[in-house]
């Protein structure tokens, strides 16, 4: 289903820009292009499909207003995530977040904040970390923070949630993700 986005990103990154898919830059640009296309198409699709006919025009205007306010921040977040995705070695993350570090779970949760990905996009990262020996709970904390408390998510949520509510939401999720990570590390330890 999402293969079309991957093919589009292949076409733009590797044929259009002439980047090598084996390089960090090529992988990062591909990731950026693929996820940018997915986000905007799926957002538009969700808005149109879930609304009744009478509400479509109103929703389209509201989507346009929101997109105009946040598109730059979303693209910046995706660019940062793509850069980190392509250039931060998994070995470095495994050293920082390995089983010998008692702060691994909180650090993994914090590391997810500047990253951007969706639930399916973070799975290959999780697989790589697990294969490098990072404990399951630590990987779970990272995965959940990348998807739920990343900077692009907060930029979007800031448009509908006041700062105090956003701080409570983020704080609660951070504590919950760390607790889940610690629980799984102890359980499977």
N, C-alpha and C. Protein backbone atom coordinates (compact mmCIF):
# COMPACT_ATOMS: atom_id res chain seq x y z
N UNK A 1 0.82 -1.19 0.00
CA UNK A 1 0.00 0.00 0.00
C UNK A 1 0.87 1.27 0.00
N UNK A 2 1.92 1.26 0.84
CA UNK A 2 2.78 2.44 0.92
C UNK A 2 3.96 2.35 -0.04
N UNK A 3 3.97 1.30 -0.87
CA UNK A 3 5.06 1.12 -1.82
C UNK A 3 5.15 2.29 -2.79
N UNK A 4 4.03 2.92 -3.10
CA UNK A 4 4.03 4.04 -4.04
C UNK A 4 4.88 5.19 -3.49
N UNK A 5 4.85 5.40 -2.17
CA UNK A 5 5.66 6.47 -1.58
C UNK A 5 7.15 6.13 -1.66
N UNK A 6 7.46 4.87 -1.45
CA UNK A 6 8.85 4.44 -1.54
C UNK A 6 9.36 4.59 -2.98
N UNK A 7 8.52 4.21 -3.94
CA UNK A 7 8.92 4.35 -5.35
C UNK A 7 9.08 5.81 -5.75
N UNK A 8 8.18 6.65 -5.24
CA UNK A 8 8.28 8.09 -5.52
C UNK A 8 9.58 8.65 -4.92
N UNK A 9 9.88 8.25 -3.69
CA UNK A 9 11.12 8.70 -3.05
C UNK A 9 12.34 8.17 -3.80
N UNK A 10 12.28 6.91 -4.28
CA UNK A 10 13.37 6.35 -5.10
C UNK A 10 13.59 7.21 -6.33
N UNK A 11 12.49 7.52 -7.01
CA UNK A 11 12.56 8.30 -8.24
C UNK A 11 13.17 9.68 -7.99
N UNK A 12 12.69 10.36 -6.95
CA UNK A 12 13.17 11.71 -6.67
C UNK A 12 14.60 11.72 -6.13
N UNK A 13 14.88 10.86 -5.15
CA UNK A 13 16.19 10.89 -4.48
C UNK A 13 17.29 10.30 -5.35
N UNK A 14 17.02 9.15 -5.96
CA UNK A 14 18.10 8.43 -6.63
C UNK A 14 18.20 8.76 -8.12
N UNK A 15 17.06 8.89 -8.77
CA UNK A 15 17.13 9.26 -10.19
C UNK A 15 17.14 10.76 -10.38
N UNK A 16 16.23 11.44 -9.68
CA UNK A 16 16.12 12.90 -9.83
C UNK A 16 17.32 13.65 -9.30
N UNK A 17 17.73 13.32 -8.08
CA UNK A 17 18.87 14.02 -7.47
C UNK A 17 20.19 13.30 -7.70
N UNK A 18 20.14 12.07 -8.20
CA UNK A 18 21.35 11.32 -8.50
C UNK A 18 22.09 10.83 -7.27
N UNK A 19 21.40 10.67 -6.15
CA UNK A 19 22.05 10.21 -4.92
C UNK A 19 22.20 8.70 -4.94
N UNK A 20 23.21 8.23 -4.23
CA UNK A 20 23.48 6.80 -4.14
C UNK A 20 22.70 6.25 -2.94
N UNK A 21 21.87 5.22 -3.14
CA UNK A 21 21.08 4.68 -2.01
C UNK A 21 21.93 4.06 -0.91
N UNK A 22 23.18 3.73 -1.21
CA UNK A 22 24.04 3.11 -0.21
C UNK A 22 24.70 4.13 0.72
N UNK A 23 24.57 5.42 0.40
CA UNK A 23 25.20 6.44 1.24
C UNK A 23 24.24 6.92 2.31
N UNK A 24 24.80 7.51 3.36
CA UNK A 24 23.96 8.07 4.43
C UNK A 24 23.09 9.20 3.90
N UNK A 25 23.65 10.04 3.04
CA UNK A 25 22.89 11.15 2.49
C UNK A 25 21.72 10.63 1.64
N UNK A 26 21.98 9.64 0.81
CA UNK A 26 20.94 9.07 -0.02
C UNK A 26 19.82 8.47 0.82
N UNK A 27 20.19 7.71 1.86
CA UNK A 27 19.18 7.11 2.74
C UNK A 27 18.40 8.18 3.49
N UNK A 28 19.08 9.22 3.96
CA UNK A 28 18.40 10.28 4.72
C UNK A 28 17.42 11.05 3.83
N UNK A 29 17.84 11.41 2.62
CA UNK A 29 16.97 12.14 1.71
C UNK A 29 15.78 11.27 1.30
N UNK A 30 16.04 9.99 1.06
CA UNK A 30 14.96 9.07 0.71
C UNK A 30 13.94 9.00 1.84
N UNK A 31 14.41 8.83 3.08
CA UNK A 31 13.53 8.78 4.25
C UNK A 31 12.69 10.06 4.34
N UNK A 32 13.35 11.21 4.17
CA UNK A 32 12.67 12.51 4.24
C UNK A 32 11.57 12.59 3.20
N UNK A 33 11.87 12.27 1.95
CA UNK A 33 10.90 12.38 0.86
C UNK A 33 9.74 11.40 1.04
N UNK A 34 10.05 10.17 1.43
CA UNK A 34 9.02 9.16 1.60
C UNK A 34 8.05 9.54 2.72
N UNK A 35 8.58 9.93 3.88
CA UNK A 35 7.70 10.25 5.00
C UNK A 35 6.94 11.55 4.78
N UNK A 36 7.54 12.53 4.12
CA UNK A 36 6.83 13.77 3.84
C UNK A 36 5.61 13.49 2.97
N UNK A 37 5.79 12.71 1.94
CA UNK A 37 4.67 12.37 1.06
C UNK A 37 3.59 11.60 1.81
N UNK A 38 3.99 10.63 2.64
CA UNK A 38 3.02 9.84 3.40
C UNK A 38 2.20 10.72 4.32
N UNK A 39 2.86 11.60 5.04
CA UNK A 39 2.17 12.43 6.02
C UNK A 39 1.12 13.30 5.36
N UNK A 40 1.49 13.99 4.32
CA UNK A 40 0.54 14.90 3.69
C UNK A 40 -0.59 14.16 2.98
N UNK A 41 -0.30 13.07 2.30
CA UNK A 41 -1.35 12.32 1.61
C UNK A 41 -2.29 11.65 2.61
N UNK A 42 -1.73 11.02 3.64
CA UNK A 42 -2.58 10.35 4.62
C UNK A 42 -3.39 11.37 5.42
N UNK A 43 -2.82 12.51 5.74
CA UNK A 43 -3.56 13.55 6.44
C UNK A 43 -4.73 14.05 5.61
N UNK A 44 -4.50 14.28 4.35
CA UNK A 44 -5.57 14.71 3.46
C UNK A 44 -6.63 13.63 3.32
N UNK A 45 -6.17 12.39 3.16
CA UNK A 45 -7.09 11.27 3.01
C UNK A 45 -7.97 11.11 4.24
N UNK A 46 -7.36 11.15 5.43
CA UNK A 46 -8.13 11.02 6.67
C UNK A 46 -9.15 12.14 6.80
N UNK A 47 -8.76 13.34 6.45
CA UNK A 47 -9.68 14.47 6.57
C UNK A 47 -10.87 14.32 5.65
N UNK A 48 -10.62 13.92 4.43
CA UNK A 48 -11.69 13.84 3.44
C UNK A 48 -12.59 12.64 3.70
N UNK A 49 -12.01 11.47 3.99
CA UNK A 49 -12.79 10.26 4.14
C UNK A 49 -13.66 10.29 5.40
N UNK A 50 -13.14 10.82 6.49
CA UNK A 50 -13.85 10.74 7.75
C UNK A 50 -14.95 11.79 7.91
N UNK A 51 -15.06 12.70 7.01
CA UNK A 51 -16.05 13.77 7.15
C UNK A 51 -17.26 13.53 6.26
N UNK A 52 -18.41 14.04 6.70
CA UNK A 52 -19.61 13.99 5.89
C UNK A 52 -19.50 15.02 4.78
N UNK A 53 -20.32 14.83 3.76
CA UNK A 53 -20.27 15.70 2.59
C UNK A 53 -20.42 17.18 2.95
N UNK A 54 -21.30 17.48 3.88
CA UNK A 54 -21.56 18.87 4.25
C UNK A 54 -20.33 19.50 4.89
N UNK A 55 -19.53 18.69 5.56
CA UNK A 55 -18.38 19.21 6.30
C UNK A 55 -17.09 19.26 5.48
N UNK A 56 -17.10 18.73 4.29
CA UNK A 56 -15.87 18.63 3.50
C UNK A 56 -15.28 20.00 3.22
N UNK A 57 -16.08 20.95 2.81
CA UNK A 57 -15.56 22.29 2.51
C UNK A 57 -15.00 22.96 3.75
N UNK A 58 -15.73 22.86 4.84
CA UNK A 58 -15.25 23.44 6.10
C UNK A 58 -13.93 22.79 6.51
N UNK A 59 -13.88 21.47 6.43
CA UNK A 59 -12.67 20.73 6.82
C UNK A 59 -11.49 21.11 5.91
N UNK A 60 -11.74 21.23 4.63
CA UNK A 60 -10.67 21.58 3.70
C UNK A 60 -10.09 22.96 4.04
N UNK A 61 -10.96 23.90 4.38
CA UNK A 61 -10.47 25.23 4.77
C UNK A 61 -9.67 25.16 6.06
N UNK A 62 -10.16 24.38 7.03
CA UNK A 62 -9.44 24.25 8.30
C UNK A 62 -8.09 23.56 8.11
N UNK A 63 -8.07 22.51 7.29
CA UNK A 63 -6.81 21.82 6.99
C UNK A 63 -5.83 22.79 6.35
N UNK A 64 -6.32 23.59 5.42
CA UNK A 64 -5.44 24.56 4.75
C UNK A 64 -4.87 25.55 5.76
N UNK A 65 -5.68 26.02 6.68
CA UNK A 65 -5.21 26.97 7.71
C UNK A 65 -4.15 26.32 8.58
N UNK A 66 -4.41 25.11 9.03
CA UNK A 66 -3.45 24.41 9.91
C UNK A 66 -2.16 24.11 9.15
N UNK A 67 -2.28 23.61 7.92
CA UNK A 67 -1.09 23.28 7.12
C UNK A 67 -0.25 24.53 6.88
N UNK A 68 -0.90 25.65 6.60
CA UNK A 68 -0.16 26.89 6.38
C UNK A 68 0.63 27.30 7.62
N UNK A 69 0.08 27.01 8.80
CA UNK A 69 0.76 27.39 10.04
C UNK A 69 1.89 26.45 10.42
N UNK A 70 1.78 25.16 10.10
CA UNK A 70 2.74 24.18 10.62
C UNK A 70 3.63 23.52 9.58
N UNK A 71 3.39 23.71 8.30
CA UNK A 71 4.13 22.93 7.29
C UNK A 71 5.63 23.09 7.41
N UNK A 72 6.10 24.29 7.67
CA UNK A 72 7.54 24.50 7.76
C UNK A 72 8.13 23.75 8.94
N UNK A 73 7.44 23.80 10.08
CA UNK A 73 7.94 23.10 11.27
C UNK A 73 7.93 21.59 11.08
N UNK A 74 6.91 21.09 10.43
CA UNK A 74 6.85 19.65 10.15
C UNK A 74 8.00 19.25 9.23
N UNK A 75 8.24 20.02 8.19
CA UNK A 75 9.35 19.71 7.28
C UNK A 75 10.69 19.79 7.99
N UNK A 76 10.86 20.76 8.87
CA UNK A 76 12.11 20.87 9.64
C UNK A 76 12.28 19.64 10.52
N UNK A 77 11.22 19.24 11.20
CA UNK A 77 11.28 18.04 12.03
C UNK A 77 11.60 16.79 11.24
N UNK A 78 10.99 16.67 10.06
CA UNK A 78 11.27 15.51 9.20
C UNK A 78 12.72 15.56 8.74
N UNK A 79 13.21 16.75 8.38
CA UNK A 79 14.60 16.89 7.93
C UNK A 79 15.58 16.50 9.03
N UNK A 80 15.31 16.95 10.25
CA UNK A 80 16.19 16.59 11.38
C UNK A 80 16.16 15.08 11.59
N UNK A 81 14.96 14.51 11.59
CA UNK A 81 14.84 13.06 11.76
C UNK A 81 15.53 12.30 10.65
N UNK A 82 15.41 12.79 9.41
CA UNK A 82 16.07 12.13 8.28
C UNK A 82 17.58 12.21 8.41
N UNK A 83 18.08 13.37 8.84
CA UNK A 83 19.52 13.51 9.05
C UNK A 83 20.03 12.57 10.13
N UNK A 84 19.31 12.50 11.23
CA UNK A 84 19.72 11.59 12.31
C UNK A 84 19.58 10.15 11.87
N UNK A 85 18.54 9.86 11.10
CA UNK A 85 18.31 8.50 10.60
C UNK A 85 19.48 8.05 9.72
N UNK A 86 19.98 8.97 8.91
CA UNK A 86 21.04 8.61 7.97
C UNK A 86 22.44 8.71 8.53
N UNK A 87 22.65 9.52 9.57
CA UNK A 87 24.01 9.82 10.00
C UNK A 87 24.37 9.38 11.41
N UNK A 88 23.42 9.08 12.28
CA UNK A 88 23.75 8.63 13.63
C UNK A 88 23.91 7.12 13.60
N UNK A 89 25.12 6.63 13.87
CA UNK A 89 25.36 5.19 13.81
C UNK A 89 24.63 4.44 14.92
N UNK A 90 24.08 3.29 14.58
CA UNK A 90 23.36 2.47 15.55
C UNK A 90 24.30 2.01 16.66
N UNK A 91 25.59 1.83 16.37
CA UNK A 91 26.55 1.41 17.39
C UNK A 91 26.66 2.45 18.50
N UNK A 92 26.64 3.72 18.13
CA UNK A 92 26.69 4.80 19.12
C UNK A 92 25.47 4.73 20.03
N UNK A 93 24.31 4.53 19.43
CA UNK A 93 23.08 4.43 20.22
C UNK A 93 23.15 3.20 21.12
N UNK A 94 23.66 2.09 20.60
CA UNK A 94 23.76 0.86 21.40
C UNK A 94 24.72 1.06 22.57
N UNK A 95 25.82 1.80 22.37
CA UNK A 95 26.75 2.07 23.47
C UNK A 95 26.09 2.90 24.56
N UNK A 96 25.34 3.90 24.15
CA UNK A 96 24.69 4.80 25.10
C UNK A 96 23.53 4.10 25.80
N UNK A 97 22.77 3.31 25.05
CA UNK A 97 21.54 2.73 25.58
C UNK A 97 21.64 1.24 25.85
N UNK A 98 22.85 0.72 26.00
CA UNK A 98 23.04 -0.71 26.22
C UNK A 98 22.64 -1.16 27.61
N UNK A 99 22.70 -2.48 27.85
CA UNK A 99 22.24 -3.03 29.13
C UNK A 99 23.08 -2.60 30.33
N UNK A 100 24.30 -2.15 30.13
CA UNK A 100 25.15 -1.74 31.25
C UNK A 100 24.87 -0.34 31.77
N UNK A 101 24.05 0.40 31.11
CA UNK A 101 23.79 1.79 31.49
C UNK A 101 22.45 1.89 32.22
N UNK A 102 22.50 2.28 33.50
CA UNK A 102 21.26 2.36 34.29
C UNK A 102 20.35 3.50 33.83
N UNK A 103 20.91 4.46 33.10
CA UNK A 103 20.11 5.57 32.59
C UNK A 103 19.67 5.34 31.14
N UNK A 104 19.84 4.11 30.65
CA UNK A 104 19.55 3.83 29.25
C UNK A 104 18.10 4.11 28.87
N UNK A 105 17.17 3.70 29.70
CA UNK A 105 15.75 3.89 29.36
C UNK A 105 15.38 5.37 29.33
N UNK A 106 15.71 6.16 30.38
CA UNK A 106 15.41 7.59 30.28
C UNK A 106 16.13 8.27 29.11
N UNK A 107 17.38 7.88 28.85
CA UNK A 107 18.12 8.47 27.73
C UNK A 107 17.46 8.12 26.39
N UNK A 108 17.00 6.87 26.27
CA UNK A 108 16.33 6.46 25.03
C UNK A 108 15.05 7.27 24.83
N UNK A 109 14.32 7.49 25.92
CA UNK A 109 13.12 8.31 25.83
C UNK A 109 13.44 9.73 25.40
N UNK A 110 14.52 10.29 25.92
CA UNK A 110 14.93 11.65 25.55
C UNK A 110 15.46 11.70 24.12
N UNK A 111 16.14 10.64 23.70
CA UNK A 111 16.69 10.61 22.34
C UNK A 111 15.58 10.62 21.29
N UNK A 112 14.41 10.13 21.64
CA UNK A 112 13.32 10.08 20.69
C UNK A 112 12.68 11.42 20.43
N UNK A 113 12.88 12.38 21.33
CA UNK A 113 12.18 13.66 21.20
C UNK A 113 12.56 14.42 19.93
N UNK A 114 13.84 14.58 19.58
CA UNK A 114 14.12 15.34 18.36
C UNK A 114 13.90 14.54 17.08
N UNK A 115 13.75 13.23 17.20
CA UNK A 115 13.56 12.40 16.01
C UNK A 115 12.13 12.48 15.52
N UNK A 116 11.95 12.15 14.26
CA UNK A 116 10.59 12.08 13.73
C UNK A 116 10.43 10.77 13.00
N UNK A 117 9.34 10.10 13.26
CA UNK A 117 8.99 8.91 12.50
C UNK A 117 7.55 8.56 12.82
N UNK A 118 7.00 7.69 12.03
CA UNK A 118 5.69 7.14 12.36
C UNK A 118 5.90 5.74 12.92
N UNK A 119 4.83 5.08 13.27
CA UNK A 119 4.95 3.78 13.92
C UNK A 119 5.64 2.75 13.02
N UNK A 120 5.37 2.79 11.73
CA UNK A 120 6.01 1.82 10.84
C UNK A 120 7.45 2.21 10.53
N UNK A 121 7.74 3.49 10.51
CA UNK A 121 9.09 3.94 10.18
C UNK A 121 10.11 3.67 11.27
N UNK A 122 9.65 3.52 12.51
CA UNK A 122 10.58 3.31 13.61
C UNK A 122 10.92 1.82 13.79
N UNK A 123 10.17 0.94 13.16
CA UNK A 123 10.40 -0.50 13.31
C UNK A 123 11.79 -0.93 12.82
N UNK A 124 12.26 -0.47 11.64
CA UNK A 124 13.62 -0.87 11.23
C UNK A 124 14.70 -0.37 12.20
N UNK A 125 14.50 0.80 12.78
CA UNK A 125 15.46 1.31 13.77
C UNK A 125 15.44 0.41 15.00
N UNK A 126 14.25 0.04 15.44
CA UNK A 126 14.13 -0.83 16.61
C UNK A 126 14.79 -2.18 16.34
N UNK A 127 14.57 -2.69 15.15
CA UNK A 127 15.17 -3.99 14.79
C UNK A 127 16.70 -3.91 14.82
N UNK A 128 17.24 -2.82 14.28
CA UNK A 128 18.69 -2.65 14.28
C UNK A 128 19.23 -2.55 15.70
N UNK A 129 18.55 -1.80 16.56
CA UNK A 129 19.00 -1.66 17.94
C UNK A 129 18.92 -2.97 18.70
N UNK A 130 17.84 -3.72 18.50
CA UNK A 130 17.71 -5.01 19.16
C UNK A 130 18.82 -5.96 18.70
N UNK A 131 19.15 -5.90 17.42
CA UNK A 131 20.22 -6.77 16.91
C UNK A 131 21.59 -6.37 17.44
N UNK A 132 21.74 -5.12 17.90
CA UNK A 132 23.00 -4.65 18.48
C UNK A 132 23.06 -4.91 19.99
N UNK A 133 22.01 -5.51 20.55
CA UNK A 133 22.03 -5.86 21.96
C UNK A 133 21.36 -4.88 22.90
N UNK A 134 20.66 -3.89 22.36
CA UNK A 134 19.94 -2.96 23.22
C UNK A 134 18.73 -3.69 23.79
N UNK A 135 18.49 -3.60 25.10
CA UNK A 135 17.36 -4.32 25.72
C UNK A 135 16.00 -3.88 25.16
N UNK A 136 15.03 -4.79 25.21
CA UNK A 136 13.70 -4.55 24.66
C UNK A 136 13.03 -3.33 25.28
N UNK A 137 13.10 -3.19 26.61
CA UNK A 137 12.46 -2.06 27.27
C UNK A 137 13.03 -0.73 26.82
N UNK A 138 14.33 -0.68 26.62
CA UNK A 138 14.98 0.55 26.16
C UNK A 138 14.52 0.89 24.75
N UNK A 139 14.43 -0.12 23.89
CA UNK A 139 13.96 0.09 22.53
C UNK A 139 12.49 0.54 22.53
N UNK A 140 11.69 -0.04 23.40
CA UNK A 140 10.28 0.37 23.49
C UNK A 140 10.16 1.83 23.91
N UNK A 141 10.95 2.25 24.90
CA UNK A 141 10.91 3.65 25.34
C UNK A 141 11.28 4.58 24.19
N UNK A 142 12.29 4.22 23.42
CA UNK A 142 12.70 5.03 22.27
C UNK A 142 11.59 5.06 21.23
N UNK A 143 11.05 3.90 20.89
CA UNK A 143 10.00 3.83 19.86
C UNK A 143 8.79 4.67 20.23
N UNK A 144 8.35 4.54 21.47
CA UNK A 144 7.16 5.28 21.88
C UNK A 144 7.41 6.78 21.91
N UNK A 145 8.60 7.19 22.34
CA UNK A 145 8.87 8.64 22.40
C UNK A 145 9.02 9.22 20.99
N UNK A 146 9.62 8.47 20.08
CA UNK A 146 9.75 8.95 18.70
C UNK A 146 8.38 9.22 18.09
N UNK A 147 7.46 8.31 18.32
CA UNK A 147 6.14 8.41 17.70
C UNK A 147 5.24 9.42 18.42
N UNK A 148 5.29 9.46 19.74
CA UNK A 148 4.28 10.24 20.48
C UNK A 148 4.75 11.58 21.03
N UNK A 149 6.04 11.71 21.38
CA UNK A 149 6.45 12.98 21.98
C UNK A 149 7.60 13.64 21.21
N UNK A 150 7.62 13.43 19.91
CA UNK A 150 8.64 14.07 19.09
C UNK A 150 8.30 15.54 18.89
N UNK A 151 9.29 16.33 18.56
CA UNK A 151 9.08 17.77 18.36
C UNK A 151 8.02 18.08 17.29
N UNK A 152 8.04 17.41 16.13
CA UNK A 152 6.99 17.71 15.15
C UNK A 152 5.58 17.44 15.68
N UNK A 153 5.43 16.38 16.48
CA UNK A 153 4.12 16.09 17.06
C UNK A 153 3.68 17.24 17.97
N UNK A 154 4.62 17.74 18.76
CA UNK A 154 4.28 18.83 19.69
C UNK A 154 4.00 20.14 18.96
N UNK A 155 4.68 20.36 17.85
CA UNK A 155 4.40 21.56 17.06
C UNK A 155 2.96 21.51 16.55
N UNK A 156 2.55 20.35 16.08
CA UNK A 156 1.19 20.20 15.59
C UNK A 156 0.19 20.31 16.74
N UNK A 157 0.47 19.63 17.84
CA UNK A 157 -0.45 19.66 18.98
C UNK A 157 -0.55 21.06 19.60
N UNK A 158 0.50 21.85 19.48
CA UNK A 158 0.51 23.20 20.05
C UNK A 158 -0.59 24.07 19.44
N UNK A 159 -1.02 23.72 18.25
CA UNK A 159 -2.07 24.48 17.59
C UNK A 159 -3.44 24.23 18.23
N UNK A 160 -3.59 23.13 18.97
CA UNK A 160 -4.88 22.80 19.56
C UNK A 160 -4.84 22.62 21.07
N UNK A 161 -3.66 22.56 21.66
CA UNK A 161 -3.52 22.38 23.11
C UNK A 161 -2.69 23.52 23.66
N UNK A 162 -3.13 24.08 24.76
CA UNK A 162 -2.39 25.18 25.40
C UNK A 162 -1.08 24.64 25.99
N UNK A 163 -0.08 25.51 26.19
CA UNK A 163 1.24 25.06 26.67
C UNK A 163 1.19 24.23 27.95
N UNK A 164 0.36 24.64 28.91
CA UNK A 164 0.29 23.89 30.16
C UNK A 164 -0.21 22.47 29.91
N UNK A 165 -1.27 22.34 29.12
CA UNK A 165 -1.81 21.03 28.79
C UNK A 165 -0.81 20.19 28.01
N UNK A 166 -0.09 20.83 27.13
CA UNK A 166 0.93 20.13 26.34
C UNK A 166 2.06 19.63 27.23
N UNK A 167 2.46 20.46 28.21
CA UNK A 167 3.51 20.06 29.16
C UNK A 167 3.04 18.87 30.00
N UNK A 168 1.81 18.91 30.46
CA UNK A 168 1.27 17.78 31.24
C UNK A 168 1.19 16.52 30.40
N UNK A 169 0.71 16.68 29.18
CA UNK A 169 0.61 15.55 28.26
C UNK A 169 1.99 14.93 28.00
N UNK A 170 2.96 15.77 27.65
CA UNK A 170 4.31 15.29 27.37
C UNK A 170 4.96 14.67 28.59
N UNK A 171 4.80 15.31 29.74
CA UNK A 171 5.37 14.77 30.98
C UNK A 171 4.78 13.43 31.35
N UNK A 172 3.46 13.32 31.24
CA UNK A 172 2.81 12.05 31.54
C UNK A 172 3.31 10.95 30.62
N UNK A 173 3.35 11.24 29.32
CA UNK A 173 3.81 10.23 28.36
C UNK A 173 5.27 9.85 28.62
N UNK A 174 6.12 10.83 28.90
CA UNK A 174 7.53 10.52 29.16
C UNK A 174 7.67 9.59 30.36
N UNK A 175 6.97 9.89 31.45
CA UNK A 175 7.02 9.04 32.64
C UNK A 175 6.47 7.64 32.32
N UNK A 176 5.37 7.59 31.59
CA UNK A 176 4.77 6.30 31.24
C UNK A 176 5.71 5.48 30.36
N UNK A 177 6.35 6.11 29.38
CA UNK A 177 7.25 5.39 28.49
C UNK A 177 8.47 4.86 29.24
N UNK A 178 9.00 5.66 30.15
CA UNK A 178 10.14 5.21 30.96
C UNK A 178 9.72 4.05 31.86
N UNK A 179 8.54 4.16 32.46
CA UNK A 179 8.05 3.08 33.33
C UNK A 179 7.87 1.78 32.53
N UNK A 180 7.29 1.88 31.35
CA UNK A 180 7.11 0.69 30.50
C UNK A 180 8.46 0.10 30.12
N UNK A 181 9.40 0.96 29.74
CA UNK A 181 10.74 0.49 29.37
C UNK A 181 11.44 -0.21 30.53
N UNK A 182 11.39 0.39 31.70
CA UNK A 182 12.01 -0.23 32.88
C UNK A 182 11.33 -1.56 33.23
N UNK A 183 10.01 -1.58 33.15
CA UNK A 183 9.26 -2.80 33.43
C UNK A 183 9.71 -3.95 32.51
N UNK A 184 9.78 -3.68 31.22
CA UNK A 184 10.17 -4.73 30.27
C UNK A 184 11.63 -5.13 30.44
N UNK A 185 12.49 -4.19 30.78
CA UNK A 185 13.89 -4.56 31.01
C UNK A 185 14.03 -5.46 32.23
N UNK A 186 13.25 -5.18 33.28
CA UNK A 186 13.28 -6.04 34.47
C UNK A 186 12.64 -7.39 34.17
N UNK A 187 11.50 -7.35 33.48
CA UNK A 187 10.77 -8.57 33.17
C UNK A 187 11.59 -9.52 32.29
N UNK A 188 12.23 -8.96 31.28
CA UNK A 188 12.97 -9.80 30.31
C UNK A 188 14.46 -9.86 30.59
N UNK A 189 14.90 -9.10 31.60
CA UNK A 189 16.27 -8.85 31.96
C UNK A 189 17.22 -9.93 32.02
